[in-house]
Amino acid sequence: FEEGVGPVPVTIRAKEGRADFAQLSVAKPPEFGPEAPSSDDIA
């Protein structure tokens, strides 16, 4: 798939000739952001 974040490889698995499962690989590795808000705010 050509997506905004870049090319996304997709694997489709078939069973008895019919699509049964699809899996995509992310185009960008995980990026960790700044510290989360406080537990009080989240709660």
PDB file of all heavy atoms in Angstrom:
ATOM      1  N   PHE A   1       0.856  -1.185   0.000  1.00  0.00           N
ATOM      2  CA  PHE A   1       0.000   0.000   0.000  1.00  0.00           C
ATOM      3  C   PHE A   1       0.896   1.241   0.000  1.00  0.00           C
ATOM      4  O   PHE A   1       1.861   1.314   0.770  1.00  0.00           O
ATOM      5  CB  PHE A   1      -0.888   0.046   1.243  1.00  0.00           C
ATOM      6  CG  PHE A   1      -2.044  -0.909   1.230  1.00  0.00           C
ATOM      7  CD1 PHE A   1      -2.642  -1.290   2.424  1.00  0.00           C
ATOM      8  CD2 PHE A   1      -2.552  -1.408   0.049  1.00  0.00           C
ATOM      9  CE1 PHE A   1      -3.728  -2.159   2.426  1.00  0.00           C
ATOM     10  CE2 PHE A   1      -3.625  -2.278   0.037  1.00  0.00           C
ATOM     11  CZ  PHE A   1      -4.218  -2.655   1.236  1.00  0.00           C
ATOM     12  N   GLU A   2       0.565   2.228  -0.844  1.00  0.00           N
ATOM     13  CA  GLU A   2       1.247   3.517  -0.792  1.00  0.00           C
ATOM     14  C   GLU A   2       0.429   4.429   0.111  1.00  0.00           C
ATOM     15  O   GLU A   2      -0.675   4.834  -0.252  1.00  0.00           O
ATOM     16  CB  GLU A   2       1.373   4.107  -2.196  1.00  0.00           C
ATOM     17  CG  GLU A   2       2.283   3.310  -3.114  1.00  0.00           C
ATOM     18  CD  GLU A   2       2.415   3.934  -4.495  1.00  0.00           C
ATOM     19  OE1 GLU A   2       1.756   4.968  -4.733  1.00  0.00           O
ATOM     20  OE2 GLU A   2       3.149   3.384  -5.323  1.00  0.00           O
ATOM     21  N   GLU A   3       0.969   4.720   1.294  1.00  0.00           N
ATOM     22  CA  GLU A   3       0.245   5.524   2.275  1.00  0.00           C
ATOM     23  C   GLU A   3       1.040   6.789   2.593  1.00  0.00           C
ATOM     24  O   GLU A   3       2.195   6.937   2.198  1.00  0.00           O
ATOM     25  CB  GLU A   3      -0.013   4.716   3.542  1.00  0.00           C
ATOM     26  CG  GLU A   3      -0.874   3.478   3.298  1.00  0.00           C
ATOM     27  CD  GLU A   3      -1.350   2.823   4.582  1.00  0.00           C
ATOM     28  OE1 GLU A   3      -1.115   3.382   5.661  1.00  0.00           O
ATOM     29  OE2 GLU A   3      -1.967   1.741   4.491  1.00  0.00           O
ATOM     30  N   GLY A   4       0.404   7.684   3.344  1.00  0.00           N
ATOM     31  CA  GLY A   4       1.056   8.947   3.669  1.00  0.00           C
ATOM     32  C   GLY A   4       2.354   8.778   4.438  1.00  0.00           C
ATOM     33  O   GLY A   4       3.266   9.597   4.311  1.00  0.00           O
ATOM     34  N   VAL A   5       2.457   7.715   5.238  1.00  0.00           N
ATOM     35  CA  VAL A   5       3.674   7.495   6.021  1.00  0.00           C
ATOM     36  C   VAL A   5       4.735   6.754   5.220  1.00  0.00           C
ATOM     37  O   VAL A   5       5.848   6.564   5.692  1.00  0.00           O
ATOM     38  CB  VAL A   5       3.367   6.705   7.316  1.00  0.00           C
ATOM     39  CG1 VAL A   5       2.492   7.522   8.236  1.00  0.00           C
ATOM     40  CG2 VAL A   5       2.729   5.369   6.997  1.00  0.00           C
ATOM     41  N   GLY A   6       4.387   6.296   3.991  1.00  0.00           N
ATOM     42  CA  GLY A   6       5.340   5.568   3.162  1.00  0.00           C
ATOM     43  C   GLY A   6       4.774   4.237   2.698  1.00  0.00           C
ATOM     44  O   GLY A   6       3.613   3.917   2.956  1.00  0.00           O
ATOM     45  N   PRO A   7       5.586   3.430   1.990  1.00  0.00           N
ATOM     46  CA  PRO A   7       5.132   2.123   1.506  1.00  0.00           C
ATOM     47  C   PRO A   7       4.866   1.173   2.683  1.00  0.00           C
ATOM     48  O   PRO A   7       5.680   1.062   3.597  1.00  0.00           O
ATOM     49  CB  PRO A   7       6.312   1.622   0.661  1.00  0.00           C
ATOM     50  CG  PRO A   7       7.160   2.824   0.404  1.00  0.00           C
ATOM     51  CD  PRO A   7       6.960   3.740   1.557  1.00  0.00           C
ATOM     52  N   VAL A   8       3.712   0.509   2.646  1.00  0.00           N
ATOM     53  CA  VAL A   8       3.319  -0.408   3.716  1.00  0.00           C
ATOM     54  C   VAL A   8       3.155  -1.817   3.117  1.00  0.00           C
ATOM     55  O   VAL A   8       2.188  -2.078   2.402  1.00  0.00           O
ATOM     56  CB  VAL A   8       1.999   0.037   4.372  1.00  0.00           C
ATOM     57  CG1 VAL A   8       1.550  -0.992   5.419  1.00  0.00           C
ATOM     58  CG2 VAL A   8       2.155   1.410   5.010  1.00  0.00           C
ATOM     59  N   PRO A   9       4.110  -2.733   3.384  1.00  0.00           N
ATOM     60  CA  PRO A   9       3.976  -4.106   2.890  1.00  0.00           C
ATOM     61  C   PRO A   9       2.819  -4.826   3.590  1.00  0.00           C
ATOM     62  O   PRO A   9       2.639  -4.696   4.804  1.00  0.00           O
ATOM     63  CB  PRO A   9       5.319  -4.752   3.258  1.00  0.00           C
ATOM     64  CG  PRO A   9       6.254  -3.612   3.512  1.00  0.00           C
ATOM     65  CD  PRO A   9       5.397  -2.519   4.063  1.00  0.00           C
ATOM     66  N   VAL A  10       2.028  -5.565   2.826  1.00  0.00           N
ATOM     67  CA  VAL A  10       0.886  -6.304   3.349  1.00  0.00           C
ATOM     68  C   VAL A  10       0.974  -7.752   2.881  1.00  0.00           C
ATOM     69  O   VAL A  10       1.226  -8.012   1.706  1.00  0.00           O
ATOM     70  CB  VAL A  10      -0.446  -5.696   2.873  1.00  0.00           C
ATOM     71  CG1 VAL A  10      -1.632  -6.502   3.410  1.00  0.00           C
ATOM     72  CG2 VAL A  10      -0.560  -4.245   3.295  1.00  0.00           C
ATOM     73  N   THR A  11       0.777  -8.669   3.806  1.00  0.00           N
ATOM     74  CA  THR A  11       0.734 -10.095   3.495  1.00  0.00           C
ATOM     75  C   THR A  11      -0.683 -10.609   3.707  1.00  0.00           C
ATOM     76  O   THR A  11      -1.274 -10.382   4.762  1.00  0.00           O
ATOM     77  CB  THR A  11       1.704 -10.890   4.390  1.00  0.00           C
ATOM     78  OG1 THR A  11       3.038 -10.419   4.154  1.00  0.00           O
ATOM     79  CG2 THR A  11       1.637 -12.381   4.079  1.00  0.00           C
ATOM     80  N   ILE A  12      -1.235 -11.277   2.691  1.00  0.00           N
ATOM     81  CA  ILE A  12      -2.572 -11.856   2.774  1.00  0.00           C
ATOM     82  C   ILE A  12      -2.427 -13.372   2.788  1.00  0.00           C
ATOM     83  O   ILE A  12      -1.786 -13.946   1.907  1.00  0.00           O
ATOM     84  CB  ILE A  12      -3.441 -11.440   1.574  1.00  0.00           C
ATOM     85  CG1 ILE A  12      -3.508  -9.912   1.469  1.00  0.00           C
ATOM     86  CG2 ILE A  12      -4.840 -12.031   1.682  1.00  0.00           C
ATOM     87  CD1 ILE A  12      -4.056  -9.425   0.145  1.00  0.00           C
ATOM     88  N   ARG A  13      -2.994 -13.995   3.794  1.00  0.00           N
ATOM     89  CA  ARG A  13      -2.971 -15.466   3.872  1.00  0.00           C
ATOM     90  C   ARG A  13      -4.333 -16.012   3.456  1.00  0.00           C
ATOM     91  O   ARG A  13      -5.371 -15.454   3.835  1.00  0.00           O
ATOM     92  CB  ARG A  13      -2.630 -15.922   5.284  1.00  0.00           C
ATOM     93  CG  ARG A  13      -1.271 -15.448   5.770  1.00  0.00           C
ATOM     94  CD  ARG A  13      -1.040 -15.844   7.208  1.00  0.00           C
ATOM     95  NE  ARG A  13       0.087 -15.122   7.790  1.00  0.00           N
ATOM     96  CZ  ARG A  13       0.308 -15.009   9.085  1.00  0.00           C
ATOM     97  NH1 ARG A  13      -0.523 -15.571   9.952  1.00  0.00           N
ATOM     98  NH2 ARG A  13       1.355 -14.335   9.526  1.00  0.00           N
ATOM     99  N   ALA A  14      -4.311 -17.076   2.665  1.00  0.00           N
ATOM    100  CA  ALA A  14      -5.545 -17.667   2.155  1.00  0.00           C
ATOM    101  C   ALA A  14      -5.744 -19.065   2.717  1.00  0.00           C
ATOM    102  O   ALA A  14      -4.785 -19.770   3.047  1.00  0.00           O
ATOM    103  CB  ALA A  14      -5.516 -17.726   0.629  1.00  0.00           C
ATOM    104  N   LYS A  15      -7.008 -19.436   2.845  1.00  0.00           N
ATOM    105  CA  LYS A  15      -7.378 -20.782   3.265  1.00  0.00           C
ATOM    106  C   LYS A  15      -8.481 -21.268   2.332  1.00  0.00           C
ATOM    107  O   LYS A  15      -9.501 -20.592   2.173  1.00  0.00           O
ATOM    108  CB  LYS A  15      -7.861 -20.775   4.722  1.00  0.00           C
ATOM    109  CG  LYS A  15      -8.208 -22.155   5.273  1.00  0.00           C
ATOM    110  CD  LYS A  15      -8.709 -22.055   6.710  1.00  0.00           C
ATOM    111  CE  LYS A  15      -7.620 -21.580   7.660  1.00  0.00           C
ATOM    112  NZ  LYS A  15      -8.102 -21.569   9.085  1.00  0.00           N
ATOM    113  N   GLU A  16      -8.235 -22.396   1.704  1.00  0.00           N
ATOM    114  CA  GLU A  16      -9.184 -22.968   0.748  1.00  0.00           C
ATOM    115  C   GLU A  16      -9.572 -21.959  -0.329  1.00  0.00           C
ATOM    116  O   GLU A  16     -10.730 -21.834  -0.731  1.00  0.00           O
ATOM    117  CB  GLU A  16     -10.433 -23.480   1.476  1.00  0.00           C
ATOM    118  CG  GLU A  16     -10.122 -24.598   2.474  1.00  0.00           C
ATOM    119  CD  GLU A  16     -11.357 -25.072   3.216  1.00  0.00           C
ATOM    120  OE1 GLU A  16     -12.439 -24.464   3.025  1.00  0.00           O
ATOM    121  OE2 GLU A  16     -11.237 -26.053   3.975  1.00  0.00           O
ATOM    122  N   GLY A  17      -8.578 -21.199  -0.784  1.00  0.00           N
ATOM    123  CA  GLY A  17      -8.783 -20.273  -1.882  1.00  0.00           C
ATOM    124  C   GLY A  17      -9.428 -18.953  -1.523  1.00  0.00           C
ATOM    125  O   GLY A  17      -9.708 -18.144  -2.412  1.00  0.00           O
ATOM    126  N   ARG A  18      -9.646 -18.687  -0.240  1.00  0.00           N
ATOM    127  CA  ARG A  18     -10.283 -17.446   0.190  1.00  0.00           C
ATOM    128  C   ARG A  18      -9.390 -16.715   1.194  1.00  0.00           C
ATOM    129  O   ARG A  18      -8.728 -17.343   2.023  1.00  0.00           O
ATOM    130  CB  ARG A  18     -11.644 -17.728   0.835  1.00  0.00           C
ATOM    131  CG  ARG A  18     -12.648 -18.369  -0.115  1.00  0.00           C
ATOM    132  CD  ARG A  18     -13.956 -18.677   0.601  1.00  0.00           C
ATOM    133  NE  ARG A  18     -14.593 -17.450   1.078  1.00  0.00           N
ATOM    134  CZ  ARG A  18     -15.398 -16.712   0.320  1.00  0.00           C
ATOM    135  NH1 ARG A  18     -15.657 -17.076  -0.923  1.00  0.00           N
ATOM    136  NH2 ARG A  18     -15.960 -15.631   0.819  1.00  0.00           N
ATOM    137  N   ALA A  19      -9.393 -15.392   1.105  1.00  0.00           N
ATOM    138  CA  ALA A  19      -8.594 -14.595   2.035  1.00  0.00           C
ATOM    139  C   ALA A  19      -9.060 -14.845   3.464  1.00  0.00           C
ATOM    140  O   ALA A  19     -10.251 -14.779   3.755  1.00  0.00           O
ATOM    141  CB  ALA A  19      -8.717 -13.122   1.689  1.00  0.00           C
ATOM    142  N   ASP A  20      -8.106 -15.136   4.357  1.00  0.00           N
ATOM    143  CA  ASP A  20      -8.454 -15.500   5.726  1.00  0.00           C
ATOM    144  C   ASP A  20      -7.781 -14.604   6.764  1.00  0.00           C
ATOM    145  O   ASP A  20      -8.273 -14.475   7.881  1.00  0.00           O
ATOM    146  CB  ASP A  20      -8.055 -16.959   5.973  1.00  0.00           C
ATOM    147  CG  ASP A  20      -8.428 -17.444   7.361  1.00  0.00           C
ATOM    148  OD1 ASP A  20      -9.640 -17.511   7.650  1.00  0.00           O
ATOM    149  OD2 ASP A  20      -7.509 -17.745   8.152  1.00  0.00           O
ATOM    150  N   PHE A  21      -6.682 -13.942   6.399  1.00  0.00           N
ATOM    151  CA  PHE A  21      -5.909 -13.161   7.375  1.00  0.00           C
ATOM    152  C   PHE A  21      -5.045 -12.176   6.603  1.00  0.00           C
ATOM    153  O   PHE A  21      -4.515 -12.509   5.541  1.00  0.00           O
ATOM    154  CB  PHE A  21      -5.029 -14.104   8.207  1.00  0.00           C
ATOM    155  CG  PHE A  21      -4.222 -13.438   9.289  1.00  0.00           C
ATOM    156  CD1 PHE A  21      -4.733 -13.285  10.568  1.00  0.00           C
ATOM    157  CD2 PHE A  21      -2.933 -12.985   9.038  1.00  0.00           C
ATOM    158  CE1 PHE A  21      -3.987 -12.685  11.580  1.00  0.00           C
ATOM    159  CE2 PHE A  21      -2.173 -12.388  10.039  1.00  0.00           C
ATOM    160  CZ  PHE A  21      -2.704 -12.243  11.313  1.00  0.00           C
ATOM    161  N   ALA A  22      -4.908 -10.961   7.107  1.00  0.00           N
ATOM    162  CA  ALA A  22      -4.021  -9.968   6.500  1.00  0.00           C
ATOM    163  C   ALA A  22      -3.141  -9.350   7.567  1.00  0.00           C
ATOM    164  O   ALA A  22      -3.581  -9.132   8.697  1.00  0.00           O
ATOM    165  CB  ALA A  22      -4.821  -8.886   5.780  1.00  0.00           C
ATOM    166  N   GLN A  23      -1.894  -9.077   7.188  1.00  0.00           N
ATOM    167  CA  GLN A  23      -0.935  -8.500   8.134  1.00  0.00           C
ATOM    168  C   GLN A  23      -0.148  -7.403   7.439  1.00  0.00           C
ATOM    169  O   GLN A  23       0.353  -7.585   6.328  1.00  0.00           O
ATOM    170  CB  GLN A  23       0.024  -9.584   8.635  1.00  0.00           C
ATOM    171  CG  GLN A  23       1.031  -9.110   9.665  1.00  0.00           C
ATOM    172  CD  GLN A  23       2.035 -10.196  10.006  1.00  0.00           C
ATOM    173  OE1 GLN A  23       2.828 -10.600   9.166  1.00  0.00           O
ATOM    174  NE2 GLN A  23       1.993 -10.677  11.245  1.00  0.00           N
ATOM    175  N   LEU A  24      -0.052  -6.240   8.090  1.00  0.00           N
ATOM    176  CA  LEU A  24       0.727  -5.146   7.520  1.00  0.00           C
ATOM    177  C   LEU A  24       1.976  -4.894   8.347  1.00  0.00           C
ATOM    178  O   LEU A  24       1.996  -5.143   9.559  1.00  0.00           O
ATOM    179  CB  LEU A  24      -0.110  -3.873   7.418  1.00  0.00           C
ATOM    180  CG  LEU A  24      -0.633  -3.209   8.700  1.00  0.00           C
ATOM    181  CD1 LEU A  24       0.420  -2.266   9.310  1.00  0.00           C
ATOM    182  CD2 LEU A  24      -1.900  -2.423   8.421  1.00  0.00           C
ATOM    183  N   SER A  25       3.020  -4.416   7.681  1.00  0.00           N
ATOM    184  CA  SER A  25       4.260  -4.025   8.350  1.00  0.00           C
ATOM    185  C   SER A  25       4.311  -2.509   8.401  1.00  0.00           C
ATOM    186  O   SER A  25       4.053  -1.834   7.396  1.00  0.00           O
ATOM    187  CB  SER A  25       5.480  -4.551   7.581  1.00  0.00           C
ATOM    188  OG  SER A  25       5.471  -5.967   7.518  1.00  0.00           O
ATOM    189  N   VAL A  26       4.620  -1.950   9.558  1.00  0.00           N
ATOM    190  CA  VAL A  26       4.591  -0.496   9.691  1.00  0.00           C
ATOM    191  C   VAL A  26       5.728   0.138   8.894  1.00  0.00           C
ATOM    192  O   VAL A  26       6.810  -0.430   8.762  1.00  0.00           O
ATOM    193  CB  VAL A  26       4.667  -0.066  11.173  1.00  0.00           C
ATOM    194  CG1 VAL A  26       3.497  -0.657  11.951  1.00  0.00           C
ATOM    195  CG2 VAL A  26       5.989  -0.456  11.798  1.00  0.00           C
ATOM    196  N   ALA A  27       5.446   1.327   8.351  1.00  0.00           N
ATOM    197  CA  ALA A  27       6.431   2.029   7.535  1.00  0.00           C
ATOM    198  C   ALA A  27       7.442   2.785   8.386  1.00  0.00           C
ATOM    199  O   ALA A  27       8.553   3.060   7.945  1.00  0.00           O
ATOM    200  CB  ALA A  27       5.721   2.998   6.586  1.00  0.00           C
ATOM    201  N   LYS A  28       7.039   3.148   9.623  1.00  0.00           N
ATOM    202  CA  LYS A  28       7.913   3.917  10.498  1.00  0.00           C
ATOM    203  C   LYS A  28       8.125   3.164  11.805  1.00  0.00           C
ATOM    204  O   LYS A  28       7.168   2.642  12.376  1.00  0.00           O
ATOM    205  CB  LYS A  28       7.290   5.282  10.803  1.00  0.00           C
ATOM    206  CG  LYS A  28       7.144   6.195   9.608  1.00  0.00           C
ATOM    207  CD  LYS A  28       6.463   7.492   9.989  1.00  0.00           C
ATOM    208  CE  LYS A  28       7.296   8.290  10.974  1.00  0.00           C
ATOM    209  NZ  LYS A  28       6.708   9.614  11.290  1.00  0.00           N
ATOM    210  N   PRO A  29       9.353   3.091  12.300  1.00  0.00           N
ATOM    211  CA  PRO A  29       9.579   2.446  13.600  1.00  0.00           C
ATOM    212  C   PRO A  29       8.943   3.259  14.716  1.00  0.00           C
ATOM    213  O   PRO A  29       8.654   4.454  14.554  1.00  0.00           O
ATOM    214  CB  PRO A  29      11.112   2.429  13.722  1.00  0.00           C
ATOM    215  CG  PRO A  29      11.559   3.569  12.866  1.00  0.00           C
ATOM    216  CD  PRO A  29      10.589   3.635  11.715  1.00  0.00           C
ATOM    217  N   PRO A  30       8.693   2.641  15.866  1.00  0.00           N
ATOM    218  CA  PRO A  30       8.055   3.363  16.975  1.00  0.00           C
ATOM    219  C   PRO A  30       8.871   4.574  17.423  1.00  0.00           C
ATOM    220  O   PRO A  30      10.092   4.526  17.522  1.00  0.00           O
ATOM    221  CB  PRO A  30       7.983   2.307  18.083  1.00  0.00           C
ATOM    222  CG  PRO A  30       8.043   1.000  17.369  1.00  0.00           C
ATOM    223  CD  PRO A  30       8.932   1.225  16.189  1.00  0.00           C
ATOM    224  N   GLU A  31       8.166   5.653  17.670  1.00  0.00           N
ATOM    225  CA  GLU A  31       8.760   6.883  18.192  1.00  0.00           C
ATOM    226  C   GLU A  31       8.107   7.190  19.535  1.00  0.00           C
ATOM    227  O   GLU A  31       6.882   7.174  19.648  1.00  0.00           O
ATOM    228  CB  GLU A  31       8.520   8.039  17.216  1.00  0.00           C
ATOM    229  CG  GLU A  31       8.991   9.384  17.721  1.00  0.00           C
ATOM    230  CD  GLU A  31       8.585  10.535  16.804  1.00  0.00           C
ATOM    231  OE1 GLU A  31       7.894  10.280  15.796  1.00  0.00           O
ATOM    232  OE2 GLU A  31       8.942  11.689  17.116  1.00  0.00           O
ATOM    233  N   PHE A  32       8.927   7.455  20.540  1.00  0.00           N
ATOM    234  CA  PHE A  32       8.411   7.731  21.880  1.00  0.00           C
ATOM    235  C   PHE A  32       8.353   9.236  22.113  1.00  0.00           C
ATOM    236  O   PHE A  32       9.312   9.956  21.835  1.00  0.00           O
ATOM    237  CB  PHE A  32       9.273   7.042  22.934  1.00  0.00           C
ATOM    238  CG  PHE A  32       9.153   5.547  22.903  1.00  0.00           C
ATOM    239  CD1 PHE A  32       9.885   4.800  21.998  1.00  0.00           C
ATOM    240  CD2 PHE A  32       8.281   4.887  23.755  1.00  0.00           C
ATOM    241  CE1 PHE A  32       9.755   3.416  21.939  1.00  0.00           C
ATOM    242  CE2 PHE A  32       8.145   3.508  23.713  1.00  0.00           C
ATOM    243  CZ  PHE A  32       8.881   2.778  22.801  1.00  0.00           C
ATOM    244  N   GLY A  33       7.206   9.686  22.594  1.00  0.00           N
ATOM    245  CA  GLY A  33       6.976  11.104  22.787  1.00  0.00           C
ATOM    246  C   GLY A  33       7.383  11.592  24.165  1.00  0.00           C
ATOM    247  O   GLY A  33       8.041  10.873  24.930  1.00  0.00           O
ATOM    248  N   PRO A  34       6.991  12.806  24.515  1.00  0.00           N
ATOM    249  CA  PRO A  34       7.325  13.383  25.822  1.00  0.00           C
ATOM    250  C   PRO A  34       6.596  12.664  26.953  1.00  0.00           C
ATOM    251  O   PRO A  34       5.737  11.812  26.719  1.00  0.00           O
ATOM    252  CB  PRO A  34       6.859  14.830  25.699  1.00  0.00           C
ATOM    253  CG  PRO A  34       5.827  14.802  24.621  1.00  0.00           C
ATOM    254  CD  PRO A  34       6.236  13.733  23.666  1.00  0.00           C
ATOM    255  N   GLU A  35       6.942  13.012  28.172  1.00  0.00           N
ATOM    256  CA  GLU A  35       6.323  12.406  29.343  1.00  0.00           C
ATOM    257  C   GLU A  35       4.811  12.587  29.319  1.00  0.00           C
ATOM    258  O   GLU A  35       4.302  13.614  28.871  1.00  0.00           O
ATOM    259  CB  GLU A  35       6.896  13.011  30.623  1.00  0.00           C
ATOM    260  CG  GLU A  35       8.293  12.521  30.982  1.00  0.00           C
ATOM    261  CD  GLU A  35       8.327  11.029  31.263  1.00  0.00           C
ATOM    262  OE1 GLU A  35       7.454  10.539  32.028  1.00  0.00           O
ATOM    263  OE2 GLU A  35       9.209  10.348  30.706  1.00  0.00           O
ATOM    264  N   ALA A  36       4.121  11.576  29.806  1.00  0.00           N
ATOM    265  CA  ALA A  36       2.662  11.606  29.816  1.00  0.00           C
ATOM    266  C   ALA A  36       2.153  12.579  30.878  1.00  0.00           C
ATOM    267  O   ALA A  36       2.860  12.903  31.838  1.00  0.00           O
ATOM    268  CB  ALA A  36       2.130  10.208  30.099  1.00  0.00           C
ATOM    269  N   PRO A  37       0.907  13.035  30.732  1.00  0.00           N
ATOM    270  CA  PRO A  37       0.290  13.833  31.804  1.00  0.00           C
ATOM    271  C   PRO A  37       0.240  13.029  33.104  1.00  0.00           C
ATOM    272  O   PRO A  37       0.448  11.809  33.116  1.00  0.00           O
ATOM    273  CB  PRO A  37      -1.114  14.116  31.257  1.00  0.00           C
ATOM    274  CG  PRO A  37      -0.979  14.009  29.772  1.00  0.00           C
ATOM    275  CD  PRO A  37       0.049  12.928  29.550  1.00  0.00           C
ATOM    276  N   SER A  38      -0.069  13.680  34.190  1.00  0.00           N
ATOM    277  CA  SER A  38      -0.087  13.030  35.495  1.00  0.00           C
ATOM    278  C   SER A  38      -1.210  11.994  35.586  1.00  0.00           C
ATOM    279  O   SER A  38      -2.215  12.070  34.859  1.00  0.00           O
ATOM    280  CB  SER A  38      -0.266  14.067  36.598  1.00  0.00           C
ATOM    281  OG  SER A  38      -1.576  14.609  36.537  1.00  0.00           O
ATOM    282  N   SER A  39      -1.034  11.042  36.505  1.00  0.00           N
ATOM    283  CA  SER A  39      -2.085  10.048  36.741  1.00  0.00           C
ATOM    284  C   SER A  39      -3.386  10.702  37.185  1.00  0.00           C
ATOM    285  O   SER A  39      -4.474  10.236  36.842  1.00  0.00           O
ATOM    286  CB  SER A  39      -1.624   9.039  37.804  1.00  0.00           C
ATOM    287  OG  SER A  39      -0.562   8.247  37.316  1.00  0.00           O
ATOM    288  N   ASP A  40      -3.279  11.799  37.940  1.00  0.00           N
ATOM    289  CA  ASP A  40      -4.486  12.510  38.365  1.00  0.00           C
ATOM    290  C   ASP A  40      -5.253  13.053  37.165  1.00  0.00           C
ATOM    291  O   ASP A  40      -6.480  12.931  37.094  1.00  0.00           O
ATOM    292  CB  ASP A  40      -4.117  13.650  39.311  1.00  0.00           C
ATOM    293  CG  ASP A  40      -3.702  13.171  40.696  1.00  0.00           C
ATOM    294  OD1 ASP A  40      -3.967  11.991  41.016  1.00  0.00           O
ATOM    295  OD2 ASP A  40      -3.112  13.963  41.445  1.00  0.00           O
ATOM    296  N   ASP A  41      -4.532  13.649  36.213  1.00  0.00           N
ATOM    297  CA  ASP A  41      -5.187  14.194  35.022  1.00  0.00           C
ATOM    298  C   ASP A  41      -5.787  13.089  34.162  1.00  0.00           C
ATOM    299  O   ASP A  41      -6.905  13.214  33.648  1.00  0.00           O
ATOM    300  CB  ASP A  41      -4.192  15.003  34.197  1.00  0.00           C
ATOM    301  CG  ASP A  41      -3.951  16.396  34.767  1.00  0.00           C
ATOM    302  OD1 ASP A  41      -4.681  16.794  35.698  1.00  0.00           O
ATOM    303  OD2 ASP A  41      -3.022  17.071  34.299  1.00  0.00           O
ATOM    304  N   ILE A  42      -5.042  11.988  33.996  1.00  0.00           N
ATOM    305  CA  ILE A  42      -5.545  10.878  33.186  1.00  0.00           C
ATOM    306  C   ILE A  42      -6.770  10.252  33.838  1.00  0.00           C
ATOM    307  O   ILE A  42      -7.757   9.944  33.164  1.00  0.00           O
ATOM    308  CB  ILE A  42      -4.436   9.827  32.970  1.00  0.00           C
ATOM    309  CG1 ILE A  42      -3.287  10.427  32.150  1.00  0.00           C
ATOM    310  CG2 ILE A  42      -4.996   8.597  32.268  1.00  0.00           C
ATOM    311  CD1 ILE A  42      -2.076   9.532  32.041  1.00  0.00           C
ATOM    312  N   ALA A  43      -6.713  10.066  35.150  1.00  0.00           N
ATOM    313  CA  ALA A  43      -7.848   9.481  35.867  1.00  0.00           C
ATOM    314  C   ALA A  43      -9.083  10.373  35.741  1.00  0.00           C
ATOM    315  O   ALA A  43     -10.201   9.884  35.526  1.00  0.00           O
ATOM    316  CB  ALA A  43      -7.495   9.274  37.337  1.00  0.00           C
TER     317      ALA A  43
END
